[in-house]
Each structure stands twice: as structure tokens, then as C-alpha cells.
Amino acid sequence: MEYIIVGSGFIFRRHLLSIKETGGEILDVVNETHGRGDEWKKAITNPDADCVVILAPNYLHYEIAKAANEAGKTVLCEKPLALKSEHVKDLADRKNIFVVQQLHYHEGVIKMRREISKDKHYDIHIDVDVHRDRHYFDGWKGNMELSGGPLFTLGVHYFELLLYLFGPATRAQMTSFDGKAGQGIIEGANYNCQWRVSVGAPVGQNKRFFNVNGIALNLSGKENLAEENLHNFVYQDLLQGRGVTPAQALPAIELIEKLYDDYHS
């Protein structure tokens, strides 16, 4: 498969390696997605490209994904697919759009999914606290309008995973939020979840824990989740026309919207 990549920030190197390791070829990398012009709009029309990979700032994901799909390309977008559920709904019926949710391929998640039963009740604690440096907060990720804040830049991984494993939320609430950290509760038909998501951890003290009925699953202690090398599995599925679709990504986006809206209302 031949790729156009839009965006070349931190996550770019992980995608570069995964594309090479799955036999792909990169035809072009568009670094400027905002400011100097709209170079990406021309790049995505390259007739030789099969797939557009979106690594741009969060607020541009929807616009690029829609345009690339309309140009006839397969789309692989880093999470979140969009910052508004209405935009995800607009993409929901389109084919060949996929969202990176690499935790689906985590060995512990695969094992947990096999063992979950609808007949059991689950008490869940999500405890995610990662270090982010000054550069992170000074850039677009530190801007709520451009990134969607920590629930979209970080929390979407774990909220999406919760819904993927245990089913829809029937009640959700954020009880505190200070711009860098939020916490609250999410309830479903057979689960209660207490969650905390933070980008304020000290250097070297990252944690990403899913605790289910007293059993802790450590999803990663690395500085960035990309270091777990799960993107290869994303690309392997992509080559088979499989992946997380907009319709599957929608519930987590709606959940985050509700958490923010209810907290600020």
C-alpha cells in the first residue's frame, strides 16, 4: 500500500516504522497543515496513493478525513477522529475510514475481552497519569479549542477501551477538572467505573492502569503509548480492510462531549 502522511509530529516516527514493517511505501509527507496554506488538500489527491494517514492536530482530523475519503482514499486517522460527535456521525456511513485505537491489540486487553461475561458485575478503576513537558502545553495540545483537552488527547484511548470491553455507558459524570486532570464516574448495564485521567505526572512516573474487580492491568508505563509498538497490528488490519470505524469510534466521542458539557453546565 502507498501512503500520504499529513502531519509529522511526535507520533510520525511510529507510523513510519509500522508502514515500513508492513511493506508499505510513503509517497509524500505534508508537514504544514495550517498557517502557510493548505498543501494537504493537493497532496491527498495524488493518484498513486492508496491511503491518507492523518497525524495532524486534532481540530483538523475531521476536515482532512472527509476530504481524503471524498478523494477516494482509504483513511487512517490518529485518535480522536473528530472533536464533535456531529462530525463523526457525518463520517459514520462512509467506507474505508479507520481510527487508530491500538489498545485493542494489547495482549492484556485481548485476554480480558475473552473473559468478560454479561452475567457478571464489574467494578472498574481507570487510573491514567502521564508526564507531559512544557513543549506539550505550549503547543496545540495545550489549547482546549485545538486539542479538546486531556479527555480527547489522552482519555479517549481509555474511554473507548472501556466501552469496547464492557458496553455502552448509561450514566457518566465528571466530578472535577482543572485543565490537566479530570475524574469522575461512568456506569453501564453491568459495570461501575471510577476514572481519573491526568497529564500532570512527574517525570518518569507514568501509569496507565485498568483495574477490574481488584485485578490490575498495566497498559503501559512508558512515556508514550506509541512505545508499546502496537501500531503494527493497526496497519496489518488496515491491509485487510479492517479497523475501528467511525461508527465504532462515535460512542467514546459522545461520552467525552457529555462529560465536558455536564461539567460546565
C-alpha atoms as a PDB file:
ATOM      1  CA  MET A   1       0.000   0.000   0.000  1.00  0.00           C
ATOM      2  CA  GLU A   2       1.195   3.520  -0.794  1.00  0.00           C
ATOM      3  CA  TYR A   3       0.638   6.308   1.711  1.00  0.00           C
ATOM      4  CA  ILE A   4       0.369  10.073   2.037  1.00  0.00           C
ATOM      5  CA  ILE A   5       1.006  11.252   5.602  1.00  0.00           C
ATOM      6  CA  VAL A   6      -0.448  14.530   6.831  1.00  0.00           C
ATOM      7  CA  GLY A   7       1.443  15.725   9.906  1.00  0.00           C
ATOM      8  CA  SER A   8       4.883  14.873  11.237  1.00  0.00           C
ATOM      9  CA  GLY A   9       4.833  15.386  14.980  1.00  0.00           C
ATOM     10  CA  PHE A  10       5.940  13.007  17.720  1.00  0.00           C
ATOM     11  CA  ILE A  11       3.816  10.077  16.547  1.00  0.00           C
ATOM     12  CA  PHE A  12       5.154  10.263  12.977  1.00  0.00           C
ATOM     13  CA  ARG A  13       8.158   8.023  13.630  1.00  0.00           C
ATOM     14  CA  ARG A  14       5.974   5.224  14.981  1.00  0.00           C
ATOM     15  CA  HIS A  15       3.817   5.305  11.844  1.00  0.00           C
ATOM     16  CA  LEU A  16       6.889   5.468   9.618  1.00  0.00           C
ATOM     17  CA  LEU A  17       8.271   2.302  11.221  1.00  0.00           C
ATOM     18  CA  SER A  18       4.938   0.461  11.074  1.00  0.00           C
ATOM     19  CA  ILE A  19       4.435   1.307   7.408  1.00  0.00           C
ATOM     20  CA  LYS A  20       7.896   0.012   6.557  1.00  0.00           C
ATOM     21  CA  GLU A  21       7.463  -3.117   8.699  1.00  0.00           C
ATOM     22  CA  THR A  22       4.189  -3.959   6.931  1.00  0.00           C
ATOM     23  CA  GLY A  23       5.634  -3.467   3.442  1.00  0.00           C
ATOM     24  CA  GLY A  24       4.170  -0.055   2.641  1.00  0.00           C
ATOM     25  CA  GLU A  25       5.661   2.904   0.829  1.00  0.00           C
ATOM     26  CA  ILE A  26       5.369   6.576   1.767  1.00  0.00           C
ATOM     27  CA  LEU A  27       4.868   8.795  -1.270  1.00  0.00           C
ATOM     28  CA  ASP A  28       4.679  12.143   0.497  1.00  0.00           C
ATOM     29  CA  VAL A  29       4.684  13.752   3.943  1.00  0.00           C
ATOM     30  CA  VAL A  30       2.870  17.054   4.332  1.00  0.00           C
ATOM     31  CA  ASN A  31       4.255  18.950   7.311  1.00  0.00           C
ATOM     32  CA  GLU A  32       2.254  22.144   7.089  1.00  0.00           C
ATOM     33  CA  THR A  33      -1.426  21.612   7.781  1.00  0.00           C
ATOM     34  CA  HIS A  34      -2.227  25.110   8.934  1.00  0.00           C
ATOM     35  CA  GLY A  35      -0.665  28.547   8.556  1.00  0.00           C
ATOM     36  CA  ARG A  36       1.269  28.534   5.257  1.00  0.00           C
ATOM     37  CA  GLY A  37      -1.668  27.199   3.281  1.00  0.00           C
ATOM     38  CA  ASP A  38      -3.495  24.007   2.539  1.00  0.00           C
ATOM     39  CA  GLU A  39      -0.800  21.839   0.982  1.00  0.00           C
ATOM     40  CA  TRP A  40      -2.520  18.716   2.276  1.00  0.00           C
ATOM     41  CA  LYS A  41      -5.534  19.377   0.037  1.00  0.00           C
ATOM     42  CA  LYS A  42      -3.374  18.859  -3.043  1.00  0.00           C
ATOM     43  CA  ALA A  43      -1.327  16.002  -1.561  1.00  0.00           C
ATOM     44  CA  ILE A  44      -4.342  13.804  -0.818  1.00  0.00           C
ATOM     45  CA  THR A  45      -5.374  13.808  -4.472  1.00  0.00           C
ATOM     46  CA  ASN A  46      -2.172  12.033  -5.557  1.00  0.00           C
ATOM     47  CA  PRO A  47      -3.497   9.312  -7.910  1.00  0.00           C
ATOM     48  CA  ASP A  48      -0.756   6.888  -6.869  1.00  0.00           C
ATOM     49  CA  ALA A  49      -1.687   6.989  -3.172  1.00  0.00           C
ATOM     50  CA  ASP A  50      -3.950   4.341  -1.659  1.00  0.00           C
ATOM     51  CA  CYS A  51      -4.217   5.704   1.874  1.00  0.00           C
ATOM     52  CA  VAL A  52      -4.020   9.025   3.709  1.00  0.00           C
ATOM     53  CA  VAL A  53      -2.681   8.814   7.270  1.00  0.00           C
ATOM     54  CA  ILE A  54      -3.760  11.742   9.455  1.00  0.00           C
ATOM     55  CA  LEU A  55      -1.335  12.783  12.194  1.00  0.00           C
ATOM     56  CA  ALA A  56      -2.330  16.456  12.172  1.00  0.00           C
ATOM     57  CA  PRO A  57      -3.630  18.414  15.189  1.00  0.00           C
ATOM     58  CA  ASN A  58      -6.947  17.111  16.494  1.00  0.00           C
ATOM     59  CA  TYR A  59      -9.076  20.000  15.263  1.00  0.00           C
ATOM     60  CA  LEU A  60      -8.111  19.215  11.637  1.00  0.00           C
ATOM     61  CA  HIS A  61      -8.862  15.487  11.715  1.00  0.00           C
ATOM     62  CA  TYR A  62     -12.463  15.672  10.526  1.00  0.00           C
ATOM     63  CA  GLU A  63     -11.805  18.060   7.657  1.00  0.00           C
ATOM     64  CA  ILE A  64      -8.872  16.036   6.325  1.00  0.00           C
ATOM     65  CA  ALA A  65     -10.597  12.680   6.783  1.00  0.00           C
ATOM     66  CA  LYS A  66     -13.688  13.815   4.906  1.00  0.00           C
ATOM     67  CA  ALA A  67     -11.685  15.352   2.054  1.00  0.00           C
ATOM     68  CA  ALA A  68      -9.423  12.303   1.714  1.00  0.00           C
ATOM     69  CA  ASN A  69     -12.400   9.958   1.680  1.00  0.00           C
ATOM     70  CA  GLU A  70     -14.084  12.065  -0.997  1.00  0.00           C
ATOM     71  CA  ALA A  71     -10.836  11.847  -2.979  1.00  0.00           C
ATOM     72  CA  GLY A  72     -11.279   8.075  -2.986  1.00  0.00           C
ATOM     73  CA  LYS A  73      -8.562   7.254  -0.466  1.00  0.00           C
ATOM     74  CA  THR A  74      -8.582   4.873   2.446  1.00  0.00           C
ATOM     75  CA  VAL A  75      -8.149   6.932   5.625  1.00  0.00           C
ATOM     76  CA  LEU A  76      -6.267   6.050   8.805  1.00  0.00           C
ATOM     77  CA  CYS A  77      -6.655   8.745  11.442  1.00  0.00           C
ATOM     78  CA  GLU A  78      -4.985   9.015  14.819  1.00  0.00           C
ATOM     79  CA  LYS A  79      -7.491   9.420  17.629  1.00  0.00           C
ATOM     80  CA  PRO A  80      -9.742  11.271  18.015  1.00  0.00           C
ATOM     81  CA  LEU A  81     -11.454  11.158  14.630  1.00  0.00           C
ATOM     82  CA  ALA A  82     -13.124  14.479  15.449  1.00  0.00           C
ATOM     83  CA  LEU A  83     -13.806  16.780  18.367  1.00  0.00           C
ATOM     84  CA  LYS A  84     -17.565  16.860  17.736  1.00  0.00           C
ATOM     85  CA  SER A  85     -19.902  13.890  17.592  1.00  0.00           C
ATOM     86  CA  GLU A  86     -21.847  15.514  14.744  1.00  0.00           C
ATOM     87  CA  HIS A  87     -18.696  15.317  12.620  1.00  0.00           C
ATOM     88  CA  VAL A  88     -18.159  11.657  13.473  1.00  0.00           C
ATOM     89  CA  LYS A  89     -21.780  10.966  12.549  1.00  0.00           C
ATOM     90  CA  ASP A  90     -21.173  12.635   9.196  1.00  0.00           C
ATOM     91  CA  LEU A  91     -18.419  10.081   8.542  1.00  0.00           C
ATOM     92  CA  ALA A  92     -20.193   7.094  10.084  1.00  0.00           C
ATOM     93  CA  ASP A  93     -21.672   5.663   6.878  1.00  0.00           C
ATOM     94  CA  ARG A  94     -18.538   6.144   4.787  1.00  0.00           C
ATOM     95  CA  LYS A  95     -16.386   3.176   3.914  1.00  0.00           C
ATOM     96  CA  ASN A  96     -12.630   2.833   4.366  1.00  0.00           C
ATOM     97  CA  ILE A  97     -12.177   5.290   7.230  1.00  0.00           C
ATOM     98  CA  PHE A  98     -10.400   3.852  10.269  1.00  0.00           C
ATOM     99  CA  VAL A  99      -9.261   5.258  13.617  1.00  0.00           C
ATOM    100  CA  VAL A 100      -6.100   4.268  15.482  1.00  0.00           C
ATOM    101  CA  GLN A 101      -7.120   2.615  18.760  1.00  0.00           C
ATOM    102  CA  GLN A 102      -4.066   0.451  19.270  1.00  0.00           C
ATOM    103  CA  LEU A 103      -5.022  -0.770  22.742  1.00  0.00           C
ATOM    104  CA  HIS A 104      -7.395  -3.243  21.098  1.00  0.00           C
ATOM    105  CA  TYR A 105      -4.258  -5.231  20.241  1.00  0.00           C
ATOM    106  CA  HIS A 106      -2.731  -5.142  23.727  1.00  0.00           C
ATOM    107  CA  GLU A 107      -2.173  -8.697  24.957  1.00  0.00           C
ATOM    108  CA  GLY A 108      -3.823  -7.984  28.308  1.00  0.00           C
ATOM    109  CA  VAL A 109      -6.855  -6.401  26.640  1.00  0.00           C
ATOM    110  CA  ILE A 110      -7.310  -9.380  24.318  1.00  0.00           C
ATOM    111  CA  LYS A 111      -7.220 -11.731  27.318  1.00  0.00           C
ATOM    112  CA  MET A 112      -9.623  -9.555  29.318  1.00  0.00           C
ATOM    113  CA  ARG A 113     -12.118  -9.385  26.461  1.00  0.00           C
ATOM    114  CA  ARG A 114     -12.229 -13.179  26.240  1.00  0.00           C
ATOM    115  CA  GLU A 115     -13.008 -13.454  29.966  1.00  0.00           C
ATOM    116  CA  ILE A 116     -15.702 -10.766  30.282  1.00  0.00           C
ATOM    117  CA  SER A 117     -19.240 -12.100  30.861  1.00  0.00           C
ATOM    118  CA  LYS A 118     -22.514 -10.198  30.553  1.00  0.00           C
ATOM    119  CA  ASP A 119     -23.737 -12.149  33.565  1.00  0.00           C
ATOM    120  CA  LYS A 120     -21.130 -10.674  35.923  1.00  0.00           C
ATOM    121  CA  HIS A 121     -20.844  -7.241  37.507  1.00  0.00           C
ATOM    122  CA  TYR A 122     -17.573  -5.334  37.237  1.00  0.00           C
ATOM    123  CA  ASP A 123     -16.064  -2.670  39.460  1.00  0.00           C
ATOM    124  CA  ILE A 124     -13.548  -0.806  37.347  1.00  0.00           C
ATOM    125  CA  HIS A 125     -10.948   1.817  38.150  1.00  0.00           C
ATOM    126  CA  ILE A 126      -9.184   3.660  35.338  1.00  0.00           C
ATOM    127  CA  ASP A 127      -6.099   5.455  36.605  1.00  0.00           C
ATOM    128  CA  VAL A 128      -4.089   7.196  33.905  1.00  0.00           C
ATOM    129  CA  ASP A 129      -1.434   9.756  34.800  1.00  0.00           C
ATOM    130  CA  VAL A 130       1.326  10.682  32.349  1.00  0.00           C
ATOM    131  CA  HIS A 131       4.076  13.258  32.230  1.00  0.00           C
ATOM    132  CA  ARG A 132       3.958  15.918  29.564  1.00  0.00           C
ATOM    133  CA  ASP A 133       6.627  18.597  29.236  1.00  0.00           C
ATOM    134  CA  ARG A 134       6.381  22.338  28.705  1.00  0.00           C
ATOM    135  CA  HIS A 135       6.516  21.923  24.929  1.00  0.00           C
ATOM    136  CA  TYR A 136       3.286  19.921  25.116  1.00  0.00           C
ATOM    137  CA  PHE A 137       1.413  22.644  26.978  1.00  0.00           C
ATOM    138  CA  ASP A 138       2.844  25.479  24.872  1.00  0.00           C
ATOM    139  CA  GLY A 139       1.751  23.797  21.626  1.00  0.00           C
ATOM    140  CA  TRP A 140      -1.642  22.915  20.183  1.00  0.00           C
ATOM    141  CA  LYS A 141      -2.131  20.031  22.620  1.00  0.00           C
ATOM    142  CA  GLY A 142      -2.259  22.515  25.473  1.00  0.00           C
ATOM    143  CA  ASN A 143      -5.011  24.501  23.749  1.00  0.00           C
ATOM    144  CA  MET A 144      -8.523  23.238  24.583  1.00  0.00           C
ATOM    145  CA  GLU A 145     -10.016  24.525  21.318  1.00  0.00           C
ATOM    146  CA  LEU A 146      -7.399  22.857  19.112  1.00  0.00           C
ATOM    147  CA  SER A 147      -6.955  19.598  21.023  1.00  0.00           C
ATOM    148  CA  GLY A 148     -10.135  19.068  23.017  1.00  0.00           C
ATOM    149  CA  GLY A 149      -8.093  18.968  26.212  1.00  0.00           C
ATOM    150  CA  PRO A 150      -6.820  15.896  28.080  1.00  0.00           C
ATOM    151  CA  LEU A 151     -10.036  13.905  27.659  1.00  0.00           C
ATOM    152  CA  PHE A 152      -9.567  13.962  23.884  1.00  0.00           C
ATOM    153  CA  THR A 153      -5.755  13.883  23.679  1.00  0.00           C
ATOM    154  CA  LEU A 154      -5.367  11.150  26.304  1.00  0.00           C
ATOM    155  CA  GLY A 155      -8.626   9.980  27.822  1.00  0.00           C
ATOM    156  CA  VAL A 156     -10.225   8.896  24.541  1.00  0.00           C
ATOM    157  CA  HIS A 157      -7.912   5.836  24.486  1.00  0.00           C
ATOM    158  CA  TYR A 158      -9.285   4.587  27.788  1.00  0.00           C
ATOM    159  CA  PHE A 159     -12.925   5.649  27.455  1.00  0.00           C
ATOM    160  CA  GLU A 160     -13.080   3.958  24.069  1.00  0.00           C
ATOM    161  CA  LEU A 161     -11.479   0.860  25.575  1.00  0.00           C
ATOM    162  CA  LEU A 162     -14.000   0.802  28.433  1.00  0.00           C
ATOM    163  CA  LEU A 163     -16.939   0.898  26.012  1.00  0.00           C
ATOM    164  CA  TYR A 164     -15.282  -1.608  23.683  1.00  0.00           C
ATOM    165  CA  LEU A 165     -14.820  -4.113  26.503  1.00  0.00           C
ATOM    166  CA  PHE A 166     -17.861  -3.568  28.706  1.00  0.00           C
ATOM    167  CA  GLY A 167     -20.543  -1.938  26.577  1.00  0.00           C
ATOM    168  CA  PRO A 168     -22.424   1.378  26.436  1.00  0.00           C
ATOM    169  CA  ALA A 169     -22.499   3.876  29.270  1.00  0.00           C
ATOM    170  CA  THR A 170     -25.851   4.521  30.921  1.00  0.00           C
ATOM    171  CA  ARG A 171     -24.570   7.305  33.175  1.00  0.00           C
ATOM    172  CA  ALA A 172     -21.429   9.432  33.100  1.00  0.00           C
ATOM    173  CA  GLN A 173     -20.188  12.324  35.174  1.00  0.00           C
ATOM    174  CA  MET A 174     -17.014  14.344  35.600  1.00  0.00           C
ATOM    175  CA  THR A 175     -16.707  15.432  39.209  1.00  0.00           C
ATOM    176  CA  SER A 176     -13.544  17.543  38.900  1.00  0.00           C
ATOM    177  CA  PHE A 177     -11.453  19.089  36.143  1.00  0.00           C
ATOM    178  CA  ASP A 178      -8.590  21.589  36.233  1.00  0.00           C
ATOM    179  CA  GLY A 179      -7.412  21.629  32.618  1.00  0.00           C
ATOM    180  CA  LYS A 180      -4.731  18.998  33.170  1.00  0.00           C
ATOM    181  CA  ALA A 181      -6.675  16.317  35.042  1.00  0.00           C
ATOM    182  CA  GLY A 182     -10.243  15.101  35.277  1.00  0.00           C
ATOM    183  CA  GLN A 183     -12.006  12.425  37.258  1.00  0.00           C
ATOM    184  CA  GLY A 184     -15.476  11.028  37.635  1.00  0.00           C
ATOM    185  CA  ILE A 185     -17.706   8.011  37.195  1.00  0.00           C
ATOM    186  CA  ILE A 186     -19.123   6.013  34.293  1.00  0.00           C
ATOM    187  CA  GLU A 187     -21.802   3.375  34.716  1.00  0.00           C
ATOM    188  CA  GLY A 188     -23.079   0.694  32.359  1.00  0.00           C
ATOM    189  CA  ALA A 189     -25.523  -2.188  32.491  1.00  0.00           C
ATOM    190  CA  ASN A 190     -23.077  -4.419  34.352  1.00  0.00           C
ATOM    191  CA  TYR A 191     -20.291  -2.113  35.487  1.00  0.00           C
ATOM    192  CA  ASN A 192     -19.383   0.854  37.631  1.00  0.00           C
ATOM    193  CA  CYS A 193     -16.224   2.721  36.698  1.00  0.00           C
ATOM    194  CA  GLN A 194     -14.309   5.334  38.628  1.00  0.00           C
ATOM    195  CA  TRP A 195     -11.861   7.110  36.348  1.00  0.00           C
ATOM    196  CA  ARG A 196      -9.049   9.620  36.535  1.00  0.00           C
ATOM    197  CA  VAL A 197      -7.088  10.954  33.548  1.00  0.00           C
ATOM    198  CA  SER A 198      -4.159  13.334  34.015  1.00  0.00           C
ATOM    199  CA  VAL A 199      -1.268  14.817  32.048  1.00  0.00           C
ATOM    200  CA  GLY A 200       0.410  16.118  35.189  1.00  0.00           C
ATOM    201  CA  ALA A 201       2.559  13.183  36.352  1.00  0.00           C
ATOM    202  CA  PRO A 202       6.167  13.806  37.448  1.00  0.00           C
ATOM    203  CA  VAL A 203       8.920  12.794  35.027  1.00  0.00           C
ATOM    204  CA  GLY A 204       9.293   9.014  34.845  1.00  0.00           C
ATOM    205  CA  GLN A 205       6.150   8.240  36.844  1.00  0.00           C
ATOM    206  CA  ASN A 206       3.720   7.402  34.066  1.00  0.00           C
ATOM    207  CA  LYS A 207       0.902   4.952  34.752  1.00  0.00           C
ATOM    208  CA  ARG A 208      -1.971   3.597  32.718  1.00  0.00           C
ATOM    209  CA  PHE A 209      -3.957   1.146  34.831  1.00  0.00           C
ATOM    210  CA  PHE A 210      -7.224  -0.659  34.191  1.00  0.00           C
ATOM    211  CA  ASN A 211      -8.245  -2.287  37.477  1.00  0.00           C
ATOM    212  CA  VAL A 212     -11.156  -4.722  37.080  1.00  0.00           C
ATOM    213  CA  ASN A 213     -12.630  -6.392  40.177  1.00  0.00           C
ATOM    214  CA  GLY A 214      -9.354  -5.871  42.011  1.00  0.00           C
ATOM    215  CA  ILE A 215      -7.118  -7.200  39.234  1.00  0.00           C
ATOM    216  CA  ALA A 216      -4.836  -4.548  37.779  1.00  0.00           C
ATOM    217  CA  LEU A 217      -3.913  -4.457  34.095  1.00  0.00           C
ATOM    218  CA  ASN A 218      -0.904  -2.230  33.448  1.00  0.00           C
ATOM    219  CA  LEU A 219      -1.417  -0.980  29.904  1.00  0.00           C
ATOM    220  CA  SER A 220       1.914   0.855  29.788  1.00  0.00           C
ATOM    221  CA  GLY A 221       4.374   2.662  31.999  1.00  0.00           C
ATOM    222  CA  LYS A 222       6.243   4.228  29.095  1.00  0.00           C
ATOM    223  CA  GLU A 223       6.351   7.935  28.362  1.00  0.00           C
ATOM    224  CA  ASN A 224       4.087   7.499  25.341  1.00  0.00           C
ATOM    225  CA  LEU A 225       1.697   4.687  24.483  1.00  0.00           C
ATOM    226  CA  ALA A 226       3.197   4.547  20.975  1.00  0.00           C
ATOM    227  CA  GLU A 227       6.306   2.973  22.503  1.00  0.00           C
ATOM    228  CA  GLU A 228       4.346  -0.254  23.040  1.00  0.00           C
ATOM    229  CA  ASN A 229       4.693  -0.895  19.269  1.00  0.00           C
ATOM    230  CA  LEU A 230       1.034  -1.805  18.787  1.00  0.00           C
ATOM    231  CA  HIS A 231       0.658   0.264  15.616  1.00  0.00           C
ATOM    232  CA  ASN A 232       1.976  -2.628  13.534  1.00  0.00           C
ATOM    233  CA  PHE A 233      -1.235  -4.511  14.293  1.00  0.00           C
ATOM    234  CA  VAL A 234      -3.282  -1.475  13.220  1.00  0.00           C
ATOM    235  CA  TYR A 235      -1.542  -1.476   9.840  1.00  0.00           C
ATOM    236  CA  GLN A 236      -1.842  -5.226   9.444  1.00  0.00           C
ATOM    237  CA  ASP A 237      -5.609  -4.927   9.865  1.00  0.00           C
ATOM    238  CA  LEU A 238      -5.693  -1.915   7.542  1.00  0.00           C
ATOM    239  CA  LEU A 239      -4.193  -4.028   4.765  1.00  0.00           C
ATOM    240  CA  GLN A 240      -7.123  -6.430   5.225  1.00  0.00           C
ATOM    241  CA  GLY A 241      -9.688  -3.615   5.124  1.00  0.00           C
ATOM    242  CA  ARG A 242     -10.318  -3.857   8.858  1.00  0.00           C
ATOM    243  CA  GLY A 243     -10.077  -1.450  11.777  1.00  0.00           C
ATOM    244  CA  VAL A 244     -12.018   0.783  14.144  1.00  0.00           C
ATOM    245  CA  THR A 245     -14.687   2.539  12.071  1.00  0.00           C
ATOM    246  CA  PRO A 246     -16.247   5.975  12.669  1.00  0.00           C
ATOM    247  CA  ALA A 247     -19.429   4.287  13.918  1.00  0.00           C
ATOM    248  CA  GLN A 248     -17.371   2.334  16.455  1.00  0.00           C
ATOM    249  CA  ALA A 249     -15.447   5.462  17.490  1.00  0.00           C
ATOM    250  CA  LEU A 250     -18.611   7.529  17.976  1.00  0.00           C
ATOM    251  CA  PRO A 251     -19.706   6.366  21.469  1.00  0.00           C
ATOM    252  CA  ALA A 252     -16.441   7.498  23.095  1.00  0.00           C
ATOM    253  CA  ILE A 253     -16.667  10.920  21.402  1.00  0.00           C
ATOM    254  CA  GLU A 254     -20.247  11.301  22.589  1.00  0.00           C
ATOM    255  CA  LEU A 255     -19.202  10.263  26.094  1.00  0.00           C
ATOM    256  CA  ILE A 256     -16.445  12.877  26.261  1.00  0.00           C
ATOM    257  CA  GLU A 257     -18.798  15.556  24.959  1.00  0.00           C
ATOM    258  CA  LYS A 258     -21.263  14.678  27.707  1.00  0.00           C
ATOM    259  CA  LEU A 259     -18.587  14.753  30.400  1.00  0.00           C
ATOM    260  CA  TYR A 260     -17.444  18.224  29.345  1.00  0.00           C
ATOM    261  CA  ASP A 261     -20.928  19.620  28.725  1.00  0.00           C
ATOM    262  CA  ASP A 262     -22.396  18.400  32.005  1.00  0.00           C
ATOM    263  CA  TYR A 263     -19.406  19.627  33.994  1.00  0.00           C
ATOM    264  CA  HIS A 264     -19.567  23.133  32.532  1.00  0.00           C
ATOM    265  CA  SER A 265     -23.375  23.442  32.626  1.00  0.00           C
END
